[in-house]
Amino acid sequence: GNKLSADLGQILDYDQKMHEALLAIDANIGKGIPAMDKSNDLLANIEELTANLGGQSNEYLEAIRQDTMAQLDKAFAQFDESQKQTDLLQDIAGSIPDVDLSETNSELKAIQAKLDELNVTSGNGNDLLQSGNDFLQSIDETLKAGVDLSEVTDGLSGVQTELSDLNESVDGFMSLFNKS
């Protein structure tokens, strides 16, 4: 037991001396040594140079941000154009006099039901586009025939709802860029 405590005392003593020696070295290191002074000066220079680089990086980031905003502005312009087209279609629908053609109406109802079914079952954007095109085709044909367009107007309000959902999605996306 005594041998162990004597060894432990020696180890602690050695640790203490090492600690003091390291503190002394640390306090004096690099003082008045030309190579160390030069190294410290170089580090200071590097710090100054990299500070300027940070500014340049910010310029690049700003340019990227501006470009992204420009792309989003283009997207908004396209949405506005779609909105105008939808409004125009609604104006056309509103300006055509109502004619009672019950047979054509029942055909339109059948087409509308099929389109609703397509919209529900379609997870694919192309199918959705195709059904939209079919719907527009049916509008075109019924316009040429002259019919009661109340169902067409209903279909257009569905398109209107989808557009406003799309605009909300874009607003959500935009908010990611507006966080400061």
N, C-alpha and C. Protein backbone atom coordinates (compact mmCIF):
# COMPACT_ATOMS: atom_id res chain seq x y z
N GLY A 1 0.82 -1.20 0.00
CA GLY A 1 0.00 0.00 0.00
C GLY A 1 0.86 1.25 0.00
N ASN A 2 1.95 1.21 0.82
CA ASN A 2 2.82 2.39 0.90
C ASN A 2 3.53 2.65 -0.42
N LYS A 3 3.94 1.58 -1.09
CA LYS A 3 4.64 1.70 -2.38
C LYS A 3 3.72 2.41 -3.39
N LEU A 4 2.43 2.01 -3.41
CA LEU A 4 1.46 2.58 -4.35
C LEU A 4 1.24 4.06 -4.08
N SER A 5 1.07 4.44 -2.81
CA SER A 5 0.83 5.85 -2.49
C SER A 5 2.08 6.68 -2.78
N ALA A 6 3.27 6.10 -2.60
CA ALA A 6 4.51 6.82 -2.92
C ALA A 6 4.60 7.06 -4.42
N ASP A 7 4.27 6.03 -5.22
CA ASP A 7 4.27 6.17 -6.69
C ASP A 7 3.27 7.23 -7.13
N LEU A 8 2.08 7.21 -6.53
CA LEU A 8 1.02 8.17 -6.86
C LEU A 8 1.48 9.60 -6.55
N GLY A 9 2.13 9.76 -5.40
CA GLY A 9 2.66 11.08 -5.03
C GLY A 9 3.67 11.58 -6.05
N GLN A 10 4.54 10.67 -6.50
CA GLN A 10 5.55 11.02 -7.49
C GLN A 10 4.90 11.45 -8.81
N ILE A 11 3.87 10.70 -9.22
CA ILE A 11 3.16 11.02 -10.48
C ILE A 11 2.51 12.39 -10.39
N LEU A 12 1.84 12.68 -9.27
CA LEU A 12 1.18 13.98 -9.08
C LEU A 12 2.21 15.11 -9.09
N ASP A 13 3.34 14.88 -8.45
CA ASP A 13 4.43 15.86 -8.40
C ASP A 13 4.93 16.15 -9.82
N TYR A 14 5.13 15.08 -10.58
CA TYR A 14 5.60 15.20 -11.97
C TYR A 14 4.59 15.99 -12.81
N ASP A 15 3.29 15.67 -12.64
CA ASP A 15 2.22 16.38 -13.35
C ASP A 15 2.25 17.87 -13.05
N GLN A 16 2.42 18.21 -11.79
CA GLN A 16 2.44 19.61 -11.37
C GLN A 16 3.61 20.35 -12.04
N LYS A 17 4.80 19.71 -12.04
CA LYS A 17 5.99 20.33 -12.66
C LYS A 17 5.78 20.53 -14.16
N MET A 18 5.19 19.53 -14.83
CA MET A 18 4.90 19.62 -16.28
C MET A 18 3.95 20.78 -16.56
N HIS A 19 2.92 20.89 -15.73
CA HIS A 19 1.92 21.95 -15.88
C HIS A 19 2.58 23.32 -15.78
N GLU A 20 3.44 23.51 -14.77
CA GLU A 20 4.13 24.80 -14.59
C GLU A 20 5.05 25.09 -15.77
N ALA A 21 5.77 24.06 -16.26
CA ALA A 21 6.68 24.24 -17.40
C ALA A 21 5.91 24.65 -18.65
N LEU A 22 4.75 24.01 -18.88
CA LEU A 22 3.93 24.35 -20.05
C LEU A 22 3.40 25.78 -19.97
N LEU A 23 2.98 26.21 -18.78
CA LEU A 23 2.51 27.59 -18.60
C LEU A 23 3.62 28.57 -18.92
N ALA A 24 4.85 28.27 -18.47
CA ALA A 24 6.00 29.16 -18.73
C ALA A 24 6.28 29.25 -20.22
N ILE A 25 6.24 28.10 -20.91
CA ILE A 25 6.47 28.09 -22.36
C ILE A 25 5.38 28.90 -23.06
N ASP A 26 4.13 28.67 -22.67
CA ASP A 26 2.99 29.34 -23.29
C ASP A 26 3.10 30.86 -23.14
N ALA A 27 3.53 31.31 -21.97
CA ALA A 27 3.63 32.75 -21.70
C ALA A 27 4.70 33.40 -22.57
N ASN A 28 5.75 32.68 -22.92
CA ASN A 28 6.88 33.28 -23.64
C ASN A 28 6.92 32.94 -25.12
N ILE A 29 6.04 32.05 -25.56
CA ILE A 29 6.17 31.55 -26.93
C ILE A 29 5.98 32.66 -27.97
N GLY A 30 6.84 32.68 -28.94
CA GLY A 30 6.70 33.61 -30.06
C GLY A 30 7.14 35.02 -29.77
N LYS A 31 7.50 35.35 -28.56
CA LYS A 31 7.87 36.73 -28.23
C LYS A 31 9.29 37.00 -28.72
N GLY A 32 9.41 37.98 -29.63
CA GLY A 32 10.73 38.39 -30.12
C GLY A 32 11.37 37.39 -31.06
N ILE A 33 10.64 36.36 -31.48
CA ILE A 33 11.19 35.43 -32.47
C ILE A 33 10.71 35.89 -33.85
N PRO A 34 11.64 36.32 -34.72
CA PRO A 34 11.24 36.91 -36.01
C PRO A 34 10.27 36.04 -36.82
N ALA A 35 10.53 34.74 -36.86
CA ALA A 35 9.65 33.87 -37.65
C ALA A 35 8.23 33.87 -37.11
N MET A 36 8.10 33.89 -35.77
CA MET A 36 6.77 33.92 -35.14
C MET A 36 6.08 35.25 -35.41
N ASP A 37 6.83 36.35 -35.28
CA ASP A 37 6.24 37.67 -35.54
C ASP A 37 5.71 37.74 -36.97
N LYS A 38 6.52 37.22 -37.92
CA LYS A 38 6.12 37.23 -39.33
C LYS A 38 4.84 36.40 -39.53
N SER A 39 4.80 35.26 -38.87
CA SER A 39 3.63 34.39 -38.97
C SER A 39 2.37 35.10 -38.47
N ASN A 40 2.50 35.81 -37.35
CA ASN A 40 1.36 36.56 -36.80
C ASN A 40 0.90 37.66 -37.74
N ASP A 41 1.89 38.36 -38.37
CA ASP A 41 1.55 39.41 -39.34
C ASP A 41 0.79 38.82 -40.53
N LEU A 42 1.28 37.67 -41.02
CA LEU A 42 0.62 37.02 -42.16
C LEU A 42 -0.82 36.62 -41.81
N LEU A 43 -1.00 36.11 -40.60
CA LEU A 43 -2.35 35.74 -40.17
C LEU A 43 -3.27 36.96 -40.16
N ALA A 44 -2.75 38.09 -39.70
CA ALA A 44 -3.55 39.33 -39.68
C ALA A 44 -3.90 39.74 -41.11
N ASN A 45 -2.92 39.64 -42.03
CA ASN A 45 -3.17 39.99 -43.44
C ASN A 45 -4.25 39.09 -44.05
N ILE A 46 -4.13 37.79 -43.77
CA ILE A 46 -5.11 36.83 -44.30
C ILE A 46 -6.51 37.18 -43.80
N GLU A 47 -6.60 37.56 -42.54
CA GLU A 47 -7.90 37.92 -41.96
C GLU A 47 -8.50 39.11 -42.70
N GLU A 48 -7.65 40.13 -42.98
CA GLU A 48 -8.14 41.31 -43.73
C GLU A 48 -8.63 40.92 -45.12
N LEU A 49 -7.82 40.11 -45.81
CA LEU A 49 -8.17 39.71 -47.18
C LEU A 49 -9.47 38.91 -47.21
N THR A 50 -9.62 38.00 -46.27
CA THR A 50 -10.84 37.17 -46.28
C THR A 50 -12.07 37.98 -45.90
N ALA A 51 -11.88 39.05 -45.13
CA ALA A 51 -13.02 39.92 -44.81
C ALA A 51 -13.59 40.50 -46.10
N ASN A 52 -12.69 40.92 -47.02
CA ASN A 52 -13.14 41.45 -48.32
C ASN A 52 -13.82 40.37 -49.16
N LEU A 53 -13.30 39.15 -49.09
CA LEU A 53 -13.90 38.04 -49.83
C LEU A 53 -15.34 37.81 -49.39
N GLY A 54 -15.57 37.96 -48.09
CA GLY A 54 -16.93 37.81 -47.57
C GLY A 54 -17.88 38.78 -48.25
N GLY A 55 -17.43 40.01 -48.45
CA GLY A 55 -18.25 41.01 -49.15
C GLY A 55 -18.57 40.57 -50.56
N GLN A 56 -17.55 40.00 -51.23
CA GLN A 56 -17.75 39.55 -52.61
C GLN A 56 -18.75 38.39 -52.65
N SER A 57 -18.63 37.48 -51.70
CA SER A 57 -19.59 36.37 -51.62
C SER A 57 -21.00 36.90 -51.47
N ASN A 58 -21.16 37.94 -50.66
CA ASN A 58 -22.49 38.54 -50.48
C ASN A 58 -23.01 39.10 -51.79
N GLU A 59 -22.10 39.69 -52.60
CA GLU A 59 -22.53 40.20 -53.91
C GLU A 59 -23.03 39.06 -54.78
N TYR A 60 -22.28 37.93 -54.78
CA TYR A 60 -22.72 36.78 -55.57
C TYR A 60 -24.07 36.27 -55.09
N LEU A 61 -24.21 36.16 -53.77
CA LEU A 61 -25.48 35.69 -53.20
C LEU A 61 -26.63 36.62 -53.58
N GLU A 62 -26.36 37.92 -53.55
CA GLU A 62 -27.39 38.91 -53.91
C GLU A 62 -27.78 38.75 -55.38
N ALA A 63 -26.77 38.52 -56.24
CA ALA A 63 -27.05 38.33 -57.67
C ALA A 63 -27.93 37.09 -57.87
N ILE A 64 -27.60 36.02 -57.15
CA ILE A 64 -28.40 34.78 -57.24
C ILE A 64 -29.82 35.05 -56.75
N ARG A 65 -29.94 35.80 -55.64
CA ARG A 65 -31.27 36.11 -55.10
C ARG A 65 -32.09 36.92 -56.11
N GLN A 66 -31.43 37.94 -56.72
CA GLN A 66 -32.12 38.77 -57.71
C GLN A 66 -32.62 37.91 -58.88
N ASP A 67 -31.75 36.99 -59.32
CA ASP A 67 -32.10 36.12 -60.44
C ASP A 67 -33.31 35.24 -60.08
N THR A 68 -33.29 34.70 -58.86
CA THR A 68 -34.40 33.87 -58.39
C THR A 68 -35.69 34.68 -58.36
N MET A 69 -35.59 35.93 -57.84
CA MET A 69 -36.79 36.77 -57.77
C MET A 69 -37.31 37.07 -59.18
N ALA A 70 -36.38 37.28 -60.14
CA ALA A 70 -36.79 37.54 -61.52
C ALA A 70 -37.55 36.34 -62.09
N GLN A 71 -37.04 35.13 -61.80
CA GLN A 71 -37.71 33.91 -62.26
C GLN A 71 -39.12 33.83 -61.66
N LEU A 72 -39.24 34.16 -60.37
CA LEU A 72 -40.55 34.11 -59.71
C LEU A 72 -41.49 35.16 -60.30
N ASP A 73 -40.94 36.35 -60.63
CA ASP A 73 -41.76 37.38 -61.27
C ASP A 73 -42.33 36.87 -62.59
N LYS A 74 -41.48 36.16 -63.35
CA LYS A 74 -41.96 35.58 -64.62
C LYS A 74 -43.10 34.60 -64.36
N ALA A 75 -42.92 33.77 -63.33
CA ALA A 75 -43.96 32.79 -62.99
C ALA A 75 -45.27 33.50 -62.65
N PHE A 76 -45.15 34.59 -61.86
CA PHE A 76 -46.34 35.36 -61.50
C PHE A 76 -47.01 35.97 -62.73
N ALA A 77 -46.19 36.46 -63.67
CA ALA A 77 -46.74 37.03 -64.90
C ALA A 77 -47.54 35.97 -65.65
N GLN A 78 -47.02 34.74 -65.67
CA GLN A 78 -47.74 33.65 -66.34
C GLN A 78 -49.06 33.35 -65.63
N PHE A 79 -49.03 33.36 -64.29
CA PHE A 79 -50.28 33.14 -63.54
C PHE A 79 -51.28 34.25 -63.85
N ASP A 80 -50.79 35.51 -63.91
CA ASP A 80 -51.68 36.64 -64.23
C ASP A 80 -52.31 36.44 -65.60
N GLU A 81 -51.49 35.99 -66.56
CA GLU A 81 -51.99 35.76 -67.92
C GLU A 81 -53.08 34.68 -67.90
N SER A 82 -52.84 33.59 -67.16
CA SER A 82 -53.84 32.52 -67.03
C SER A 82 -55.13 33.07 -66.42
N GLN A 83 -54.95 33.94 -65.41
CA GLN A 83 -56.10 34.55 -64.74
C GLN A 83 -56.92 35.37 -65.75
N LYS A 84 -56.22 36.17 -66.58
CA LYS A 84 -56.90 37.00 -67.59
C LYS A 84 -57.68 36.12 -68.56
N GLN A 85 -57.05 35.00 -68.98
CA GLN A 85 -57.72 34.10 -69.91
C GLN A 85 -58.98 33.50 -69.28
N THR A 86 -58.87 33.13 -68.01
CA THR A 86 -60.03 32.58 -67.31
C THR A 86 -61.14 33.62 -67.21
N ASP A 87 -60.76 34.86 -66.85
CA ASP A 87 -61.75 35.94 -66.76
C ASP A 87 -62.42 36.17 -68.11
N LEU A 88 -61.61 36.13 -69.18
CA LEU A 88 -62.13 36.33 -70.53
C LEU A 88 -63.14 35.24 -70.88
N LEU A 89 -62.80 34.00 -70.56
CA LEU A 89 -63.72 32.88 -70.81
C LEU A 89 -65.04 33.08 -70.05
N GLN A 90 -64.92 33.58 -68.81
CA GLN A 90 -66.14 33.81 -68.02
C GLN A 90 -66.98 34.93 -68.64
N ASP A 91 -66.29 35.98 -69.14
CA ASP A 91 -67.01 37.08 -69.80
C ASP A 91 -67.75 36.56 -71.03
N ILE A 92 -67.05 35.72 -71.81
CA ILE A 92 -67.67 35.14 -73.01
C ILE A 92 -68.91 34.33 -72.60
N ALA A 93 -68.73 33.49 -71.59
CA ALA A 93 -69.85 32.66 -71.12
C ALA A 93 -71.01 33.53 -70.66
N GLY A 94 -70.70 34.63 -69.96
CA GLY A 94 -71.75 35.51 -69.45
C GLY A 94 -72.47 36.29 -70.54
N SER A 95 -71.78 36.53 -71.67
CA SER A 95 -72.39 37.39 -72.70
C SER A 95 -73.23 36.62 -73.71
N ILE A 96 -73.17 35.29 -73.65
CA ILE A 96 -73.96 34.49 -74.60
C ILE A 96 -75.35 34.26 -74.01
N PRO A 97 -76.40 34.54 -74.80
CA PRO A 97 -77.77 34.41 -74.27
C PRO A 97 -78.09 32.96 -73.93
N ASP A 98 -78.91 32.78 -72.89
CA ASP A 98 -79.31 31.43 -72.49
C ASP A 98 -80.31 30.87 -73.49
N VAL A 99 -80.04 29.67 -73.95
CA VAL A 99 -80.97 28.97 -74.84
C VAL A 99 -81.26 27.63 -74.17
N ASP A 100 -82.52 27.26 -74.11
CA ASP A 100 -82.84 26.00 -73.43
C ASP A 100 -82.75 24.84 -74.40
N LEU A 101 -81.71 24.07 -74.26
CA LEU A 101 -81.56 22.86 -75.07
C LEU A 101 -81.32 21.70 -74.10
N SER A 102 -82.40 21.12 -73.62
CA SER A 102 -82.27 20.15 -72.53
C SER A 102 -81.48 18.91 -72.95
N GLU A 103 -81.59 18.52 -74.22
CA GLU A 103 -80.82 17.35 -74.67
C GLU A 103 -79.32 17.62 -74.56
N THR A 104 -78.91 18.77 -75.10
CA THR A 104 -77.48 19.14 -75.05
C THR A 104 -77.03 19.27 -73.60
N ASN A 105 -77.92 19.81 -72.76
CA ASN A 105 -77.58 19.95 -71.34
C ASN A 105 -77.29 18.60 -70.70
N SER A 106 -78.11 17.60 -71.03
CA SER A 106 -77.88 16.28 -70.42
C SER A 106 -76.57 15.68 -70.93
N GLU A 107 -76.24 15.96 -72.22
CA GLU A 107 -74.95 15.51 -72.75
C GLU A 107 -73.80 16.20 -72.01
N LEU A 108 -73.97 17.49 -71.81
CA LEU A 108 -72.95 18.25 -71.08
C LEU A 108 -72.79 17.72 -69.67
N LYS A 109 -73.91 17.37 -69.03
CA LYS A 109 -73.85 16.81 -67.67
C LYS A 109 -73.06 15.51 -67.67
N ALA A 110 -73.29 14.69 -68.68
CA ALA A 110 -72.57 13.41 -68.78
C ALA A 110 -71.07 13.67 -68.96
N ILE A 111 -70.74 14.64 -69.83
CA ILE A 111 -69.32 15.01 -70.04
C ILE A 111 -68.72 15.51 -68.73
N GLN A 112 -69.49 16.38 -68.05
CA GLN A 112 -69.00 16.96 -66.79
C GLN A 112 -68.76 15.86 -65.75
N ALA A 113 -69.68 14.90 -65.68
CA ALA A 113 -69.53 13.79 -64.72
C ALA A 113 -68.27 12.99 -65.03
N LYS A 114 -68.06 12.75 -66.34
CA LYS A 114 -66.86 12.00 -66.75
C LYS A 114 -65.60 12.79 -66.36
N LEU A 115 -65.63 14.11 -66.59
CA LEU A 115 -64.49 14.96 -66.24
C LEU A 115 -64.24 14.97 -64.74
N ASP A 116 -65.33 15.06 -63.96
CA ASP A 116 -65.18 15.02 -62.50
C ASP A 116 -64.51 13.71 -62.09
N GLU A 117 -64.95 12.62 -62.70
CA GLU A 117 -64.37 11.30 -62.42
C GLU A 117 -62.88 11.29 -62.77
N LEU A 118 -62.56 11.83 -63.95
CA LEU A 118 -61.15 11.91 -64.37
C LEU A 118 -60.33 12.73 -63.39
N ASN A 119 -60.88 13.87 -62.96
CA ASN A 119 -60.15 14.74 -62.03
C ASN A 119 -59.89 14.05 -60.71
N VAL A 120 -60.87 13.27 -60.25
CA VAL A 120 -60.71 12.57 -58.97
C VAL A 120 -59.68 11.45 -59.09
N THR A 121 -59.79 10.64 -60.18
CA THR A 121 -58.93 9.46 -60.28
C THR A 121 -57.54 9.79 -60.79
N SER A 122 -57.37 10.96 -61.39
CA SER A 122 -56.10 11.27 -62.04
C SER A 122 -55.09 11.82 -61.05
N GLY A 123 -54.02 11.05 -60.82
CA GLY A 123 -52.91 11.59 -60.04
C GLY A 123 -51.87 12.16 -60.98
N ASN A 124 -52.13 12.08 -62.26
CA ASN A 124 -51.13 12.46 -63.26
C ASN A 124 -51.51 13.78 -63.92
N GLY A 125 -50.58 14.73 -63.93
CA GLY A 125 -50.84 16.06 -64.50
C GLY A 125 -51.25 16.00 -65.95
N ASN A 126 -50.69 15.04 -66.72
CA ASN A 126 -51.03 14.94 -68.14
C ASN A 126 -52.48 14.51 -68.33
N ASP A 127 -52.94 13.58 -67.50
CA ASP A 127 -54.34 13.16 -67.55
C ASP A 127 -55.25 14.34 -67.25
N LEU A 128 -54.82 15.13 -66.24
CA LEU A 128 -55.59 16.30 -65.84
C LEU A 128 -55.68 17.30 -66.99
N LEU A 129 -54.54 17.52 -67.66
CA LEU A 129 -54.50 18.42 -68.81
C LEU A 129 -55.40 17.90 -69.92
N GLN A 130 -55.33 16.60 -70.17
CA GLN A 130 -56.14 16.00 -71.22
C GLN A 130 -57.63 16.20 -70.92
N SER A 131 -58.00 15.98 -69.65
CA SER A 131 -59.41 16.14 -69.29
C SER A 131 -59.82 17.61 -69.43
N GLY A 132 -58.90 18.51 -69.08
CA GLY A 132 -59.18 19.94 -69.27
C GLY A 132 -59.38 20.28 -70.74
N ASN A 133 -58.53 19.70 -71.59
CA ASN A 133 -58.65 19.94 -73.04
C ASN A 133 -59.95 19.37 -73.58
N ASP A 134 -60.32 18.18 -73.11
CA ASP A 134 -61.60 17.60 -73.53
C ASP A 134 -62.75 18.51 -73.14
N PHE A 135 -62.65 19.05 -71.92
CA PHE A 135 -63.70 19.95 -71.43
C PHE A 135 -63.79 21.20 -72.31
N LEU A 136 -62.61 21.79 -72.63
CA LEU A 136 -62.58 22.98 -73.49
C LEU A 136 -63.13 22.64 -74.88
N GLN A 137 -62.79 21.45 -75.37
CA GLN A 137 -63.30 20.99 -76.67
C GLN A 137 -64.83 20.93 -76.64
N SER A 138 -65.37 20.38 -75.53
CA SER A 138 -66.83 20.27 -75.43
C SER A 138 -67.47 21.66 -75.34
N ILE A 139 -66.79 22.59 -74.65
CA ILE A 139 -67.30 23.97 -74.59
C ILE A 139 -67.35 24.55 -76.00
N ASP A 140 -66.24 24.34 -76.74
CA ASP A 140 -66.14 24.87 -78.10
C ASP A 140 -67.28 24.34 -78.97
N GLU A 141 -67.52 23.03 -78.89
CA GLU A 141 -68.57 22.41 -79.71
C GLU A 141 -69.95 22.93 -79.33
N THR A 142 -70.18 23.07 -78.01
CA THR A 142 -71.50 23.52 -77.58
C THR A 142 -71.71 25.00 -77.88
N LEU A 143 -70.61 25.79 -77.87
CA LEU A 143 -70.73 27.21 -78.24
C LEU A 143 -71.17 27.32 -79.70
N LYS A 144 -70.58 26.47 -80.56
CA LYS A 144 -70.95 26.50 -81.97
C LYS A 144 -72.42 26.13 -82.15
N ALA A 145 -72.91 25.22 -81.31
CA ALA A 145 -74.30 24.78 -81.40
C ALA A 145 -75.25 25.80 -80.76
N GLY A 146 -74.77 26.59 -79.80
CA GLY A 146 -75.60 27.56 -79.10
C GLY A 146 -76.42 26.87 -78.03
N VAL A 147 -76.01 27.00 -76.75
CA VAL A 147 -76.68 26.25 -75.69
C VAL A 147 -76.74 27.07 -74.41
N ASP A 148 -77.43 26.49 -73.41
CA ASP A 148 -77.43 27.01 -72.05
C ASP A 148 -76.04 26.78 -71.47
N LEU A 149 -75.36 27.85 -71.11
CA LEU A 149 -73.96 27.72 -70.69
C LEU A 149 -73.76 27.74 -69.19
N SER A 150 -74.84 27.52 -68.42
CA SER A 150 -74.67 27.57 -66.96
C SER A 150 -73.68 26.51 -66.48
N GLU A 151 -73.67 25.35 -67.12
CA GLU A 151 -72.73 24.30 -66.72
C GLU A 151 -71.30 24.66 -67.10
N VAL A 152 -71.17 25.33 -68.26
CA VAL A 152 -69.84 25.80 -68.66
C VAL A 152 -69.30 26.76 -67.61
N THR A 153 -70.18 27.67 -67.16
CA THR A 153 -69.77 28.63 -66.13
C THR A 153 -69.35 27.91 -64.86
N ASP A 154 -70.10 26.87 -64.47
CA ASP A 154 -69.72 26.07 -63.30
C ASP A 154 -68.33 25.46 -63.49
N GLY A 155 -68.09 24.92 -64.67
CA GLY A 155 -66.78 24.33 -64.97
C GLY A 155 -65.68 25.37 -64.86
N LEU A 156 -65.98 26.58 -65.35
CA LEU A 156 -64.98 27.66 -65.29
C LEU A 156 -64.71 28.06 -63.85
N SER A 157 -65.73 28.06 -63.01
CA SER A 157 -65.47 28.42 -61.61
C SER A 157 -64.60 27.36 -60.95
N GLY A 158 -64.70 26.10 -61.40
CA GLY A 158 -63.79 25.05 -60.92
C GLY A 158 -62.35 25.36 -61.32
N VAL A 159 -62.18 25.79 -62.57
CA VAL A 159 -60.84 26.19 -63.05
C VAL A 159 -60.33 27.35 -62.20
N GLN A 160 -61.23 28.31 -61.93
CA GLN A 160 -60.88 29.49 -61.11
C GLN A 160 -60.36 29.05 -59.74
N THR A 161 -61.06 28.08 -59.12
CA THR A 161 -60.65 27.57 -57.80
C THR A 161 -59.27 26.94 -57.87
N GLU A 162 -59.03 26.14 -58.92
CA GLU A 162 -57.71 25.51 -59.07
C GLU A 162 -56.61 26.56 -59.22
N LEU A 163 -56.91 27.62 -59.99
CA LEU A 163 -55.92 28.70 -60.16
C LEU A 163 -55.62 29.39 -58.84
N SER A 164 -56.66 29.66 -58.04
CA SER A 164 -56.39 30.34 -56.77
C SER A 164 -55.62 29.43 -55.82
N ASP A 165 -55.88 28.10 -55.86
CA ASP A 165 -55.06 27.15 -55.08
C ASP A 165 -53.61 27.21 -55.51
N LEU A 166 -53.42 27.28 -56.84
CA LEU A 166 -52.06 27.36 -57.39
C LEU A 166 -51.37 28.62 -56.91
N ASN A 167 -52.11 29.74 -56.92
CA ASN A 167 -51.54 31.01 -56.45
C ASN A 167 -51.17 30.94 -54.98
N GLU A 168 -52.00 30.28 -54.16
CA GLU A 168 -51.67 30.11 -52.74
C GLU A 168 -50.41 29.30 -52.57
N SER A 169 -50.25 28.26 -53.39
CA SER A 169 -49.02 27.45 -53.32
C SER A 169 -47.80 28.30 -53.63
N VAL A 170 -47.94 29.16 -54.66
CA VAL A 170 -46.81 30.02 -55.03
C VAL A 170 -46.53 31.02 -53.91
N ASP A 171 -47.59 31.55 -53.29
CA ASP A 171 -47.39 32.46 -52.16
C ASP A 171 -46.61 31.78 -51.04
N GLY A 172 -46.95 30.51 -50.77
CA GLY A 172 -46.23 29.75 -49.74
C GLY A 172 -44.77 29.59 -50.11
N PHE A 173 -44.53 29.31 -51.39
CA PHE A 173 -43.15 29.16 -51.89
C PHE A 173 -42.41 30.48 -51.76
N MET A 174 -43.08 31.59 -52.10
CA MET A 174 -42.45 32.93 -52.02
C MET A 174 -42.05 33.26 -50.60
N SER A 175 -42.87 32.85 -49.63
CA SER A 175 -42.58 33.20 -48.24
C SER A 175 -41.24 32.63 -47.80
N LEU A 176 -40.78 31.55 -48.43
CA LEU A 176 -39.47 30.98 -48.11
C LEU A 176 -38.36 31.98 -48.42
N PHE A 177 -38.56 32.79 -49.48
CA PHE A 177 -37.53 33.75 -49.88
C PHE A 177 -37.65 35.06 -49.12
N ASN A 178 -38.80 35.30 -48.49
CA ASN A 178 -39.02 36.57 -47.81
C ASN A 178 -38.59 36.54 -46.36
N LYS A 179 -38.14 35.38 -45.86
CA LYS A 179 -37.67 35.30 -44.46
C LYS A 179 -36.39 36.11 -44.33
N SER A 180 -36.36 36.97 -43.30
CA SER A 180 -35.14 37.77 -43.14
C SER A 180 -34.40 37.40 -41.89
